[in-house]
Amino acid sequence: MSTATVLLIEDDAALSAIMNEILTFEGLVCEIIQDGQAALDWLRNHVPAAVILDIHLPHVSGIEILHYIRSDERLAHLPVIAATADVDAAGIVSTQADLVFIKPMDLEQFDEMIEFLRA
């Protein structure tokens, strides 16, 4: 994926900082957005290389964002990794997300995420 932008939509500031550090260390560039509505606004004007998506977000849920991505012709092809602590929500998004991780994520899951983003 080289240095294309990965959109990280995560409202937990500490977790988004950790994920950003890991992705940056791996040579990826992140745009971090912590609000669902702000993420939708950003997506209306940009096409990232991939999206890492929390499901429970302020203002607009990750489920709604995922539906938007899959229904928008410009974005429908994007790789989307969903991450949530909500097992029920994980089941809901599993048919539309490319990968789904249950939080808290461990090092093996981070490795799997990096490998997926590099593919």
PDB file of N, CA and C in Angstrom:
ATOM      1  N   MET A   1       0.831  -1.186   0.000  1.00  0.00           N
ATOM      2  CA  MET A   1       0.000   0.000   0.000  1.00  0.00           C
ATOM      3  C   MET A   1       0.876   1.250   0.000  1.00  0.00           C
ATOM      4  N   SER A   2       2.161   1.113   0.124  1.00  0.00           N
ATOM      5  CA  SER A   2       3.149   2.197   0.158  1.00  0.00           C
ATOM      6  C   SER A   2       2.757   3.265   1.172  1.00  0.00           C
ATOM      7  N   THR A   3       2.723   4.535   0.769  1.00  0.00           N
ATOM      8  CA  THR A   3       2.426   5.589   1.725  1.00  0.00           C
ATOM      9  C   THR A   3       1.034   6.177   1.532  1.00  0.00           C
ATOM     10  N   ALA A   4       0.139   5.444   0.946  1.00  0.00           N
ATOM     11  CA  ALA A   4      -1.234   5.913   0.800  1.00  0.00           C
ATOM     12  C   ALA A   4      -1.874   6.053   2.182  1.00  0.00           C
ATOM     13  N   THR A   5      -2.835   6.926   2.282  1.00  0.00           N
ATOM     14  CA  THR A   5      -3.456   7.238   3.564  1.00  0.00           C
ATOM     15  C   THR A   5      -4.452   6.170   4.016  1.00  0.00           C
ATOM     16  N   VAL A   6      -4.301   5.752   5.257  1.00  0.00           N
ATOM     17  CA  VAL A   6      -5.263   4.878   5.918  1.00  0.00           C
ATOM     18  C   VAL A   6      -6.110   5.774   6.801  1.00  0.00           C
ATOM     19  N   LEU A   7      -7.424   5.708   6.637  1.00  0.00           N
ATOM     20  CA  LEU A   7      -8.327   6.478   7.477  1.00  0.00           C
ATOM     21  C   LEU A   7      -8.630   5.665   8.727  1.00  0.00           C
ATOM     22  N   LEU A   8      -8.246   6.202   9.868  1.00  0.00           N
ATOM     23  CA  LEU A   8      -8.479   5.559  11.162  1.00  0.00           C
ATOM     24  C   LEU A   8      -9.610   6.311  11.850  1.00  0.00           C
ATOM     25  N   ILE A   9     -10.756   5.664  11.968  1.00  0.00           N
ATOM     26  CA  ILE A   9     -11.926   6.271  12.607  1.00  0.00           C
ATOM     27  C   ILE A   9     -12.102   5.589  13.955  1.00  0.00           C
ATOM     28  N   GLU A  10     -11.678   6.276  15.006  1.00  0.00           N
ATOM     29  CA  GLU A  10     -11.657   5.710  16.363  1.00  0.00           C
ATOM     30  C   GLU A  10     -11.828   6.845  17.357  1.00  0.00           C
ATOM     31  N   ASP A  11     -12.840   6.747  18.227  1.00  0.00           N
ATOM     32  CA  ASP A  11     -13.093   7.840  19.163  1.00  0.00           C
ATOM     33  C   ASP A  11     -12.289   7.750  20.456  1.00  0.00           C
ATOM     34  N   ASP A  12     -11.651   6.636  20.718  1.00  0.00           N
ATOM     35  CA  ASP A  12     -10.806   6.511  21.904  1.00  0.00           C
ATOM     36  C   ASP A  12      -9.436   7.111  21.557  1.00  0.00           C
ATOM     37  N   ALA A  13      -9.129   8.262  22.148  1.00  0.00           N
ATOM     38  CA  ALA A  13      -7.901   8.990  21.809  1.00  0.00           C
ATOM     39  C   ALA A  13      -6.651   8.164  22.085  1.00  0.00           C
ATOM     40  N   ALA A  14      -6.626   7.450  23.189  1.00  0.00           N
ATOM     41  CA  ALA A  14      -5.449   6.648  23.522  1.00  0.00           C
ATOM     42  C   ALA A  14      -5.261   5.510  22.524  1.00  0.00           C
ATOM     43  N   LEU A  15      -6.344   4.830  22.186  1.00  0.00           N
ATOM     44  CA  LEU A  15      -6.251   3.724  21.228  1.00  0.00           C
ATOM     45  C   LEU A  15      -5.879   4.232  19.843  1.00  0.00           C
ATOM     46  N   SER A  16      -6.462   5.345  19.419  1.00  0.00           N
ATOM     47  CA  SER A  16      -6.112   5.871  18.095  1.00  0.00           C
ATOM     48  C   SER A  16      -4.644   6.296  18.055  1.00  0.00           C
ATOM     49  N   ALA A  17      -4.117   6.822  19.161  1.00  0.00           N
ATOM     50  CA  ALA A  17      -2.704   7.200  19.211  1.00  0.00           C
ATOM     51  C   ALA A  17      -1.811   5.964  19.106  1.00  0.00           C
ATOM     52  N   ILE A  18      -2.170   4.900  19.799  1.00  0.00           N
ATOM     53  CA  ILE A  18      -1.399   3.655  19.740  1.00  0.00           C
ATOM     54  C   ILE A  18      -1.440   3.072  18.332  1.00  0.00           C
ATOM     55  N   MET A  19      -2.642   3.026  17.752  1.00  0.00           N
ATOM     56  CA  MET A  19      -2.775   2.480  16.397  1.00  0.00           C
ATOM     57  C   MET A  19      -1.995   3.322  15.396  1.00  0.00           C
ATOM     58  N   ASN A  20      -2.045   4.630  15.562  1.00  0.00           N
ATOM     59  CA  ASN A  20      -1.294   5.519  14.677  1.00  0.00           C
ATOM     60  C   ASN A  20       0.205   5.253  14.794  1.00  0.00           C
ATOM     61  N   GLU A  21       0.693   5.077  16.013  1.00  0.00           N
ATOM     62  CA  GLU A  21       2.121   4.786  16.214  1.00  0.00           C
ATOM     63  C   GLU A  21       2.520   3.490  15.517  1.00  0.00           C
ATOM     64  N   ILE A  22       1.701   2.462  15.667  1.00  0.00           N
ATOM     65  CA  ILE A  22       2.005   1.172  15.043  1.00  0.00           C
ATOM     66  C   ILE A  22       1.995   1.305  13.523  1.00  0.00           C
ATOM     67  N   LEU A  23       0.963   1.927  12.984  1.00  0.00           N
ATOM     68  CA  LEU A  23       0.849   2.064  11.530  1.00  0.00           C
ATOM     69  C   LEU A  23       1.963   2.940  10.962  1.00  0.00           C
ATOM     70  N   THR A  24       2.298   4.014  11.669  1.00  0.00           N
ATOM     71  CA  THR A  24       3.381   4.894  11.230  1.00  0.00           C
ATOM     72  C   THR A  24       4.718   4.154  11.264  1.00  0.00           C
ATOM     73  N   PHE A  25       4.941   3.399  12.321  1.00  0.00           N
ATOM     74  CA  PHE A  25       6.162   2.590  12.420  1.00  0.00           C
ATOM     75  C   PHE A  25       6.275   1.640  11.233  1.00  0.00           C
ATOM     76  N   GLU A  26       5.125   1.132  10.774  1.00  0.00           N
ATOM     77  CA  GLU A  26       5.096   0.205   9.647  1.00  0.00           C
ATOM     78  C   GLU A  26       5.151   0.918   8.300  1.00  0.00           C
ATOM     79  N   GLY A  27       5.296   2.246   8.325  1.00  0.00           N
ATOM     80  CA  GLY A  27       5.443   2.999   7.090  1.00  0.00           C
ATOM     81  C   GLY A  27       4.148   3.466   6.463  1.00  0.00           C
ATOM     82  N   LEU A  28       3.061   3.376   7.198  1.00  0.00           N
ATOM     83  CA  LEU A  28       1.765   3.811   6.686  1.00  0.00           C
ATOM     84  C   LEU A  28       1.436   5.210   7.208  1.00  0.00           C
ATOM     85  N   VAL A  29       0.657   5.940   6.455  1.00  0.00           N
ATOM     86  CA  VAL A  29       0.240   7.290   6.833  1.00  0.00           C
ATOM     87  C   VAL A  29      -1.220   7.226   7.270  1.00  0.00           C
ATOM     88  N   CYS A  30      -1.522   7.822   8.426  1.00  0.00           N
ATOM     89  CA  CYS A  30      -2.887   7.788   8.953  1.00  0.00           C
ATOM     90  C   CYS A  30      -3.521   9.170   8.988  1.00  0.00           C
ATOM     91  N   GLU A  31      -4.788   9.192   8.717  1.00  0.00           N
ATOM     92  CA  GLU A  31      -5.654  10.335   9.000  1.00  0.00           C
ATOM     93  C   GLU A  31      -6.559   9.840  10.120  1.00  0.00           C
ATOM     94  N   ILE A  32      -6.525  10.505  11.270  1.00  0.00           N
ATOM     95  CA  ILE A  32      -7.319  10.068  12.422  1.00  0.00           C
ATOM     96  C   ILE A  32      -8.530  10.972  12.564  1.00  0.00           C
ATOM     97  N   ILE A  33      -9.693  10.342  12.657  1.00  0.00           N
ATOM     98  CA  ILE A  33     -10.945  11.066  12.889  1.00  0.00           C
ATOM     99  C   ILE A  33     -11.654  10.369  14.040  1.00  0.00           C
ATOM    100  N   GLN A  34     -12.140  11.160  15.009  1.00  0.00           N
ATOM    101  CA  GLN A  34     -12.722  10.582  16.215  1.00  0.00           C
ATOM    102  C   GLN A  34     -14.235  10.746  16.314  1.00  0.00           C
ATOM    103  N   ASP A  35     -14.870  11.168  15.249  1.00  0.00           N
ATOM    104  CA  ASP A  35     -16.305  11.444  15.257  1.00  0.00           C
ATOM    105  C   ASP A  35     -16.924  10.886  13.966  1.00  0.00           C
ATOM    106  N   GLY A  36     -18.052  10.198  14.097  1.00  0.00           N
ATOM    107  CA  GLY A  36     -18.681   9.586  12.938  1.00  0.00           C
ATOM    108  C   GLY A  36     -19.100  10.579  11.862  1.00  0.00           C
ATOM    109  N   GLN A  37     -19.686  11.690  12.258  1.00  0.00           N
ATOM    110  CA  GLN A  37     -20.109  12.681  11.264  1.00  0.00           C
ATOM    111  C   GLN A  37     -18.909  13.298  10.563  1.00  0.00           C
ATOM    112  N   ALA A  38     -17.861  13.588  11.313  1.00  0.00           N
ATOM    113  CA  ALA A  38     -16.641  14.136  10.713  1.00  0.00           C
ATOM    114  C   ALA A  38     -16.033  13.132   9.730  1.00  0.00           C
ATOM    115  N   ALA A  39     -16.116  11.840  10.049  1.00  0.00           N
ATOM    116  CA  ALA A  39     -15.603  10.814   9.136  1.00  0.00           C
ATOM    117  C   ALA A  39     -16.396  10.795   7.835  1.00  0.00           C
ATOM    118  N   LEU A  40     -17.718  10.869   7.932  1.00  0.00           N
ATOM    119  CA  LEU A  40     -18.539  10.918   6.714  1.00  0.00           C
ATOM    120  C   LEU A  40     -18.214  12.149   5.882  1.00  0.00           C
ATOM    121  N   ASP A  41     -18.061  13.282   6.535  1.00  0.00           N
ATOM    122  CA  ASP A  41     -17.715  14.519   5.819  1.00  0.00           C
ATOM    123  C   ASP A  41     -16.375  14.361   5.105  1.00  0.00           C
ATOM    124  N   TRP A  42     -15.389  13.762   5.774  1.00  0.00           N
ATOM    125  CA  TRP A  42     -14.069  13.555   5.178  1.00  0.00           C
ATOM    126  C   TRP A  42     -14.174  12.624   3.974  1.00  0.00           C
ATOM    127  N   LEU A  43     -14.939  11.535   4.126  1.00  0.00           N
ATOM    128  CA  LEU A  43     -15.081  10.556   3.049  1.00  0.00           C
ATOM    129  C   LEU A  43     -15.786  11.132   1.819  1.00  0.00           C
ATOM    130  N   ARG A  44     -16.604  12.142   2.001  1.00  0.00           N
ATOM    131  CA  ARG A  44     -17.274  12.758   0.857  1.00  0.00           C
ATOM    132  C   ARG A  44     -16.275  13.474  -0.057  1.00  0.00           C
ATOM    133  N   ASN A  45     -15.103  13.818   0.472  1.00  0.00           N
ATOM    134  CA  ASN A  45     -14.112  14.578  -0.291  1.00  0.00           C
ATOM    135  C   ASN A  45     -12.795  13.855  -0.528  1.00  0.00           C
ATOM    136  N   HIS A  46     -12.625  12.670   0.056  1.00  0.00           N
ATOM    137  CA  HIS A  46     -11.354  11.941  -0.041  1.00  0.00           C
ATOM    138  C   HIS A  46     -11.616  10.450  -0.255  1.00  0.00           C
ATOM    139  N   VAL A  47     -10.650   9.796  -0.847  1.00  0.00           N
ATOM    140  CA  VAL A  47     -10.690   8.341  -1.002  1.00  0.00           C
ATOM    141  C   VAL A  47      -9.395   7.779  -0.407  1.00  0.00           C
ATOM    142  N   PRO A  48      -9.481   7.199   0.787  1.00  0.00           N
ATOM    143  CA  PRO A  48      -8.276   6.638   1.399  1.00  0.00           C
ATOM    144  C   PRO A  48      -7.929   5.294   0.751  1.00  0.00           C
ATOM    145  N   ALA A  49      -6.773   4.766   1.102  1.00  0.00           N
ATOM    146  CA  ALA A  49      -6.379   3.445   0.619  1.00  0.00           C
ATOM    147  C   ALA A  49      -7.098   2.338   1.377  1.00  0.00           C
ATOM    148  N   ALA A  50      -7.459   2.621   2.634  1.00  0.00           N
ATOM    149  CA  ALA A  50      -8.158   1.652   3.482  1.00  0.00           C
ATOM    150  C   ALA A  50      -8.766   2.410   4.659  1.00  0.00           C
ATOM    151  N   VAL A  51      -9.690   1.735   5.343  1.00  0.00           N
ATOM    152  CA  VAL A  51     -10.356   2.325   6.513  1.00  0.00           C
ATOM    153  C   VAL A  51     -10.272   1.341   7.669  1.00  0.00           C
ATOM    154  N   ILE A  52      -9.882   1.861   8.829  1.00  0.00           N
ATOM    155  CA  ILE A  52      -9.975   1.117  10.079  1.00  0.00           C
ATOM    156  C   ILE A  52     -11.088   1.797  10.858  1.00  0.00           C
ATOM    157  N   LEU A  53     -12.124   1.049  11.179  1.00  0.00           N
ATOM    158  CA  LEU A  53     -13.383   1.632  11.629  1.00  0.00           C
ATOM    159  C   LEU A  53     -13.849   1.084  12.964  1.00  0.00           C
ATOM    160  N   ASP A  54     -13.959   1.966  13.951  1.00  0.00           N
ATOM    161  CA  ASP A  54     -14.618   1.628  15.208  1.00  0.00           C
ATOM    162  C   ASP A  54     -16.116   1.596  14.918  1.00  0.00           C
ATOM    163  N   ILE A  55     -16.852   0.839  15.666  1.00  0.00           N
ATOM    164  CA  ILE A  55     -18.290   0.729  15.407  1.00  0.00           C
ATOM    165  C   ILE A  55     -19.098   1.719  16.241  1.00  0.00           C
ATOM    166  N   HIS A  56     -18.741   1.906  17.495  1.00  0.00           N
ATOM    167  CA  HIS A  56     -19.487   2.839  18.358  1.00  0.00           C
ATOM    168  C   HIS A  56     -18.766   4.181  18.382  1.00  0.00           C
ATOM    169  N   LEU A  57     -19.329   5.132  17.639  1.00  0.00           N
ATOM    170  CA  LEU A  57     -18.740   6.459  17.480  1.00  0.00           C
ATOM    171  C   LEU A  57     -19.757   7.522  17.842  1.00  0.00           C
ATOM    172  N   PRO A  58     -19.298   8.712  18.215  1.00  0.00           N
ATOM    173  CA  PRO A  58     -20.240   9.807  18.436  1.00  0.00           C
ATOM    174  C   PRO A  58     -20.865  10.270  17.115  1.00  0.00           C
ATOM    175  N   HIS A  59     -22.112  10.637  17.164  1.00  0.00           N
ATOM    176  CA  HIS A  59     -22.902  11.265  16.097  1.00  0.00           C
ATOM    177  C   HIS A  59     -23.349  10.343  14.977  1.00  0.00           C
ATOM    178  N   VAL A  60     -22.485   9.542  14.410  1.00  0.00           N
ATOM    179  CA  VAL A  60     -22.858   8.581  13.372  1.00  0.00           C
ATOM    180  C   VAL A  60     -22.113   7.285  13.674  1.00  0.00           C
ATOM    181  N   SER A  61     -22.831   6.172  13.678  1.00  0.00           N
ATOM    182  CA  SER A  61     -22.201   4.897  14.037  1.00  0.00           C
ATOM    183  C   SER A  61     -21.298   4.373  12.933  1.00  0.00           C
ATOM    184  N   GLY A  62     -20.384   3.508  13.327  1.00  0.00           N
ATOM    185  CA  GLY A  62     -19.531   2.851  12.358  1.00  0.00           C
ATOM    186  C   GLY A  62     -20.327   1.986  11.391  1.00  0.00           C
ATOM    187  N   ILE A  63     -21.433   1.435  11.850  1.00  0.00           N
ATOM    188  CA  ILE A  63     -22.301   0.642  10.966  1.00  0.00           C
ATOM    189  C   ILE A  63     -22.828   1.518   9.840  1.00  0.00           C
ATOM    190  N   GLU A  64     -23.284   2.719  10.170  1.00  0.00           N
ATOM    191  CA  GLU A  64     -23.771   3.643   9.141  1.00  0.00           C
ATOM    192  C   GLU A  64     -22.644   4.057   8.195  1.00  0.00           C
ATOM    193  N   ILE A  65     -21.455   4.285   8.738  1.00  0.00           N
ATOM    194  CA  ILE A  65     -20.316   4.652   7.901  1.00  0.00           C
ATOM    195  C   ILE A  65     -19.967   3.510   6.945  1.00  0.00           C
ATOM    196  N   LEU A  66     -19.988   2.285   7.448  1.00  0.00           N
ATOM    197  CA  LEU A  66     -19.695   1.135   6.599  1.00  0.00           C
ATOM    198  C   LEU A  66     -20.728   1.010   5.479  1.00  0.00           C
ATOM    199  N   HIS A  67     -22.008   1.208   5.804  1.00  0.00           N
ATOM    200  CA  HIS A  67     -23.060   1.184   4.765  1.00  0.00           C
ATOM    201  C   HIS A  67     -22.807   2.272   3.725  1.00  0.00           C
ATOM    202  N   TYR A  68     -22.415   3.454   4.185  1.00  0.00           N
ATOM    203  CA  TYR A  68     -22.117   4.551   3.262  1.00  0.00           C
ATOM    204  C   TYR A  68     -20.962   4.169   2.336  1.00  0.00           C
ATOM    205  N   ILE A  69     -19.900   3.637   2.897  1.00  0.00           N
ATOM    206  CA  ILE A  69     -18.736   3.249   2.099  1.00  0.00           C
ATOM    207  C   ILE A  69     -19.140   2.232   1.035  1.00  0.00           C
ATOM    208  N   ARG A  70     -19.862   1.213   1.432  1.00  0.00           N
ATOM    209  CA  ARG A  70     -20.218   0.143   0.496  1.00  0.00           C
ATOM    210  C   ARG A  70     -21.226   0.598  -0.562  1.00  0.00           C
ATOM    211  N   SER A  71     -21.976   1.661  -0.277  1.00  0.00           N
ATOM    212  CA  SER A  71     -22.969   2.130  -1.254  1.00  0.00           C
ATOM    213  C   SER A  71     -22.444   3.240  -2.162  1.00  0.00           C
ATOM    214  N   ASP A  72     -21.288   3.808  -1.843  1.00  0.00           N
ATOM    215  CA  ASP A  72     -20.716   4.889  -2.646  1.00  0.00           C
ATOM    216  C   ASP A  72     -19.776   4.284  -3.692  1.00  0.00           C
ATOM    217  N   GLU A  73     -20.043   4.550  -4.948  1.00  0.00           N
ATOM    218  CA  GLU A  73     -19.271   3.986  -6.050  1.00  0.00           C
ATOM    219  C   GLU A  73     -17.769   4.273  -5.928  1.00  0.00           C
ATOM    220  N   ARG A  74     -17.404   5.458  -5.430  1.00  0.00           N
ATOM    221  CA  ARG A  74     -15.988   5.808  -5.288  1.00  0.00           C
ATOM    222  C   ARG A  74     -15.286   5.003  -4.202  1.00  0.00           C
ATOM    223  N   LEU A  75     -16.058   4.552  -3.211  1.00  0.00           N
ATOM    224  CA  LEU A  75     -15.471   3.949  -2.015  1.00  0.00           C
ATOM    225  C   LEU A  75     -15.737   2.454  -1.864  1.00  0.00           C
ATOM    226  N   ALA A  76     -16.668   1.930  -2.630  1.00  0.00           N
ATOM    227  CA  ALA A  76     -17.158   0.562  -2.420  1.00  0.00           C
ATOM    228  C   ALA A  76     -16.053  -0.494  -2.412  1.00  0.00           C
ATOM    229  N   HIS A  77     -14.978  -0.248  -3.144  1.00  0.00           N
ATOM    230  CA  HIS A  77     -13.874  -1.207  -3.247  1.00  0.00           C
ATOM    231  C   HIS A  77     -12.900  -1.152  -2.072  1.00  0.00           C
ATOM    232  N   LEU A  78     -13.026  -0.136  -1.221  1.00  0.00           N
ATOM    233  CA  LEU A  78     -12.046   0.067  -0.151  1.00  0.00           C
ATOM    234  C   LEU A  78     -11.982  -1.107   0.818  1.00  0.00           C
ATOM    235  N   PRO A  79     -10.769  -1.494   1.203  1.00  0.00           N
ATOM    236  CA  PRO A  79     -10.638  -2.456   2.291  1.00  0.00           C
ATOM    237  C   PRO A  79     -11.066  -1.774   3.601  1.00  0.00           C
ATOM    238  N   VAL A  80     -11.938  -2.447   4.349  1.00  0.00           N
ATOM    239  CA  VAL A  80     -12.411  -1.911   5.623  1.00  0.00           C
ATOM    240  C   VAL A  80     -12.151  -2.945   6.709  1.00  0.00           C
ATOM    241  N   ILE A  81     -11.457  -2.480   7.745  1.00  0.00           N
ATOM    242  CA  ILE A  81     -11.219  -3.291   8.935  1.00  0.00           C
ATOM    243  C   ILE A  81     -12.067  -2.693  10.049  1.00  0.00           C
ATOM    244  N   ALA A  82     -12.979  -3.486  10.582  1.00  0.00           N
ATOM    245  CA  ALA A  82     -13.817  -3.028  11.690  1.00  0.00           C
ATOM    246  C   ALA A  82     -13.214  -3.539  12.998  1.00  0.00           C
ATOM    247  N   ALA A  83     -13.278  -2.696  14.016  1.00  0.00           N
ATOM    248  CA  ALA A  83     -12.780  -3.067  15.341  1.00  0.00           C
ATOM    249  C   ALA A  83     -13.811  -2.626  16.368  1.00  0.00           C
ATOM    250  N   THR A  84     -14.240  -3.557  17.208  1.00  0.00           N
ATOM    251  CA  THR A  84     -15.267  -3.244  18.191  1.00  0.00           C
ATOM    252  C   THR A  84     -15.161  -4.174  19.392  1.00  0.00           C
ATOM    253  N   ALA A  85     -15.607  -3.684  20.530  1.00  0.00           N
ATOM    254  CA  ALA A  85     -15.708  -4.524  21.720  1.00  0.00           C
ATOM    255  C   ALA A  85     -17.086  -5.193  21.784  1.00  0.00           C
ATOM    256  N   ASP A  86     -17.979  -4.810  20.891  1.00  0.00           N
ATOM    257  CA  ASP A  86     -19.360  -5.286  20.865  1.00  0.00           C
ATOM    258  C   ASP A  86     -19.465  -6.495  19.934  1.00  0.00           C
ATOM    259  N   VAL A  87     -19.598  -7.675  20.513  1.00  0.00           N
ATOM    260  CA  VAL A  87     -19.649  -8.912  19.734  1.00  0.00           C
ATOM    261  C   VAL A  87     -20.857  -8.925  18.797  1.00  0.00           C
ATOM    262  N   ASP A  88     -21.987  -8.411  19.252  1.00  0.00           N
ATOM    263  CA  ASP A  88     -23.177  -8.359  18.393  1.00  0.00           C
ATOM    264  C   ASP A  88     -22.942  -7.461  17.181  1.00  0.00           C
ATOM    265  N   ALA A  89     -22.329  -6.302  17.395  1.00  0.00           N
ATOM    266  CA  ALA A  89     -22.032  -5.391  16.283  1.00  0.00           C
ATOM    267  C   ALA A  89     -21.031  -6.031  15.330  1.00  0.00           C
ATOM    268  N   ALA A  90     -20.084  -6.791  15.858  1.00  0.00           N
ATOM    269  CA  ALA A  90     -19.115  -7.479  15.008  1.00  0.00           C
ATOM    270  C   ALA A  90     -19.830  -8.419  14.049  1.00  0.00           C
ATOM    271  N   GLY A  91     -20.835  -9.099  14.543  1.00  0.00           N
ATOM    272  CA  GLY A  91     -21.618  -9.988  13.686  1.00  0.00           C
ATOM    273  C   GLY A  91     -22.369  -9.231  12.608  1.00  0.00           C
ATOM    274  N   ILE A  92     -22.884  -8.073  12.961  1.00  0.00           N
ATOM    275  CA  ILE A  92     -23.639  -7.260  12.003  1.00  0.00           C
ATOM    276  C   ILE A  92     -22.744  -6.790  10.859  1.00  0.00           C
ATOM    277  N   VAL A  93     -21.539  -6.343  11.167  1.00  0.00           N
ATOM    278  CA  VAL A  93     -20.662  -5.786  10.126  1.00  0.00           C
ATOM    279  C   VAL A  93     -19.828  -6.831   9.404  1.00  0.00           C
ATOM    280  N   SER A  94     -19.846  -8.059   9.877  1.00  0.00           N
ATOM    281  CA  SER A  94     -18.960  -9.077   9.305  1.00  0.00           C
ATOM    282  C   SER A  94     -19.242  -9.368   7.833  1.00  0.00           C
ATOM    283  N   THR A  95     -20.445  -9.098   7.362  1.00  0.00           N
ATOM    284  CA  THR A  95     -20.755  -9.359   5.952  1.00  0.00           C
ATOM    285  C   THR A  95     -20.270  -8.245   5.031  1.00  0.00           C
ATOM    286  N   GLN A  96     -19.986  -7.062   5.584  1.00  0.00           N
ATOM    287  CA  GLN A  96     -19.548  -5.940   4.753  1.00  0.00           C
ATOM    288  C   GLN A  96     -18.100  -5.530   4.985  1.00  0.00           C
ATOM    289  N   ALA A  97     -17.576  -5.800   6.162  1.00  0.00           N
ATOM    290  CA  ALA A  97     -16.176  -5.464   6.448  1.00  0.00           C
ATOM    291  C   ALA A  97     -15.273  -6.591   5.940  1.00  0.00           C
ATOM    292  N   ASP A  98     -14.058  -6.233   5.564  1.00  0.00           N
ATOM    293  CA  ASP A  98     -13.117  -7.239   5.078  1.00  0.00           C
ATOM    294  C   ASP A  98     -12.502  -8.039   6.223  1.00  0.00           C
ATOM    295  N   LEU A  99     -12.277  -7.369   7.336  1.00  0.00           N
ATOM    296  CA  LEU A  99     -11.789  -8.013   8.558  1.00  0.00           C
ATOM    297  C   LEU A  99     -12.539  -7.401   9.729  1.00  0.00           C
ATOM    298  N   VAL A 100     -12.776  -8.214  10.760  1.00  0.00           N
ATOM    299  CA  VAL A 100     -13.414  -7.714  11.977  1.00  0.00           C
ATOM    300  C   VAL A 100     -12.586  -8.204  13.157  1.00  0.00           C
ATOM    301  N   PHE A 101     -12.209  -7.254  14.027  1.00  0.00           N
ATOM    302  CA  PHE A 101     -11.463  -7.583  15.231  1.00  0.00           C
ATOM    303  C   PHE A 101     -12.282  -7.199  16.456  1.00  0.00           C
ATOM    304  N   ILE A 102     -12.180  -8.035  17.472  1.00  0.00           N
ATOM    305  CA  ILE A 102     -12.825  -7.749  18.746  1.00  0.00           C
ATOM    306  C   ILE A 102     -11.790  -7.098  19.654  1.00  0.00           C
ATOM    307  N   LYS A 103     -12.163  -5.948  20.201  1.00  0.00           N
ATOM    308  CA  LYS A 103     -11.288  -5.239  21.133  1.00  0.00           C
ATOM    309  C   LYS A 103     -11.408  -5.870  22.516  1.00  0.00           C
ATOM    310  N   PRO A 104     -10.380  -5.830  23.316  1.00  0.00           N
ATOM    311  CA  PRO A 104      -9.077  -5.242  23.031  1.00  0.00           C
ATOM    312  C   PRO A 104      -8.303  -6.124  22.064  1.00  0.00           C
ATOM    313  N   MET A 105      -7.601  -5.479  21.148  1.00  0.00           N
ATOM    314  CA  MET A 105      -6.816  -6.195  20.153  1.00  0.00           C
ATOM    315  C   MET A 105      -5.473  -6.593  20.748  1.00  0.00           C
ATOM    316  N   ASP A 106      -5.003  -7.775  20.352  1.00  0.00           N
ATOM    317  CA  ASP A 106      -3.686  -8.217  20.810  1.00  0.00           C
ATOM    318  C   ASP A 106      -2.658  -8.034  19.695  1.00  0.00           C
ATOM    319  N   LEU A 107      -1.412  -8.353  19.985  1.00  0.00           N
ATOM    320  CA  LEU A 107      -0.343  -8.145  19.004  1.00  0.00           C
ATOM    321  C   LEU A 107      -0.538  -8.973  17.739  1.00  0.00           C
ATOM    322  N   GLU A 108      -1.073 -10.172  17.874  1.00  0.00           N
ATOM    323  CA  GLU A 108      -1.324 -10.996  16.691  1.00  0.00           C
ATOM    324  C   GLU A 108      -2.346 -10.334  15.775  1.00  0.00           C
ATOM    325  N   GLN A 109      -3.369  -9.724  16.353  1.00  0.00           N
ATOM    326  CA  GLN A 109      -4.369  -9.034  15.544  1.00  0.00           C
ATOM    327  C   GLN A 109      -3.761  -7.812  14.852  1.00  0.00           C
ATOM    328  N   PHE A 110      -2.908  -7.070  15.559  1.00  0.00           N
ATOM    329  CA  PHE A 110      -2.227  -5.942  14.920  1.00  0.00           C
ATOM    330  C   PHE A 110      -1.363  -6.424  13.764  1.00  0.00           C
ATOM    331  N   ASP A 111      -0.661  -7.538  13.963  1.00  0.00           N
ATOM    332  CA  ASP A 111       0.148  -8.102  12.882  1.00  0.00           C
ATOM    333  C   ASP A 111      -0.722  -8.485  11.692  1.00  0.00           C
ATOM    334  N   GLU A 112      -1.859  -9.111  11.963  1.00  0.00           N
ATOM    335  CA  GLU A 112      -2.780  -9.496  10.892  1.00  0.00           C
ATOM    336  C   GLU A 112      -3.298  -8.265  10.156  1.00  0.00           C
ATOM    337  N   MET A 113      -3.602  -7.205  10.904  1.00  0.00           N
ATOM    338  CA  MET A 113      -4.074  -5.963  10.301  1.00  0.00           C
ATOM    339  C   MET A 113      -3.004  -5.374   9.386  1.00  0.00           C
ATOM    340  N   ILE A 114      -1.771  -5.336   9.844  1.00  0.00           N
ATOM    341  CA  ILE A 114      -0.669  -4.786   9.032  1.00  0.00           C
ATOM    342  C   ILE A 114      -0.479  -5.614   7.774  1.00  0.00           C
ATOM    343  N   GLU A 115      -0.482  -6.925   7.898  1.00  0.00           N
ATOM    344  CA  GLU A 115      -0.338  -7.792   6.727  1.00  0.00           C
ATOM    345  C   GLU A 115      -1.455  -7.555   5.725  1.00  0.00           C
ATOM    346  N   PHE A 116      -2.672  -7.396   6.220  1.00  0.00           N
ATOM    347  CA  PHE A 116      -3.814  -7.138   5.348  1.00  0.00           C
ATOM    348  C   PHE A 116      -3.639  -5.800   4.626  1.00  0.00           C
ATOM    349  N   LEU A 117      -3.213  -4.776   5.347  1.00  0.00           N
ATOM    350  CA  LEU A 117      -3.034  -3.453   4.749  1.00  0.00           C
ATOM    351  C   LEU A 117      -1.904  -3.446   3.721  1.00  0.00           C
ATOM    352  N   ARG A 118      -0.926  -4.278   3.906  1.00  0.00           N
ATOM    353  CA  ARG A 118       0.198  -4.339   2.978  1.00  0.00           C
ATOM    354  C   ARG A 118      -0.102  -5.163   1.718  1.00  0.00           C
ATOM    355  N   ALA A 119      -1.119  -6.003   1.791  1.00  0.00           N
ATOM    356  CA  ALA A 119      -1.446  -6.901   0.653  1.00  0.00           C
ATOM    357  C   ALA A 119      -1.933  -6.135  -0.558  1.00  0.00           C
TER     358      ALA A 119
END
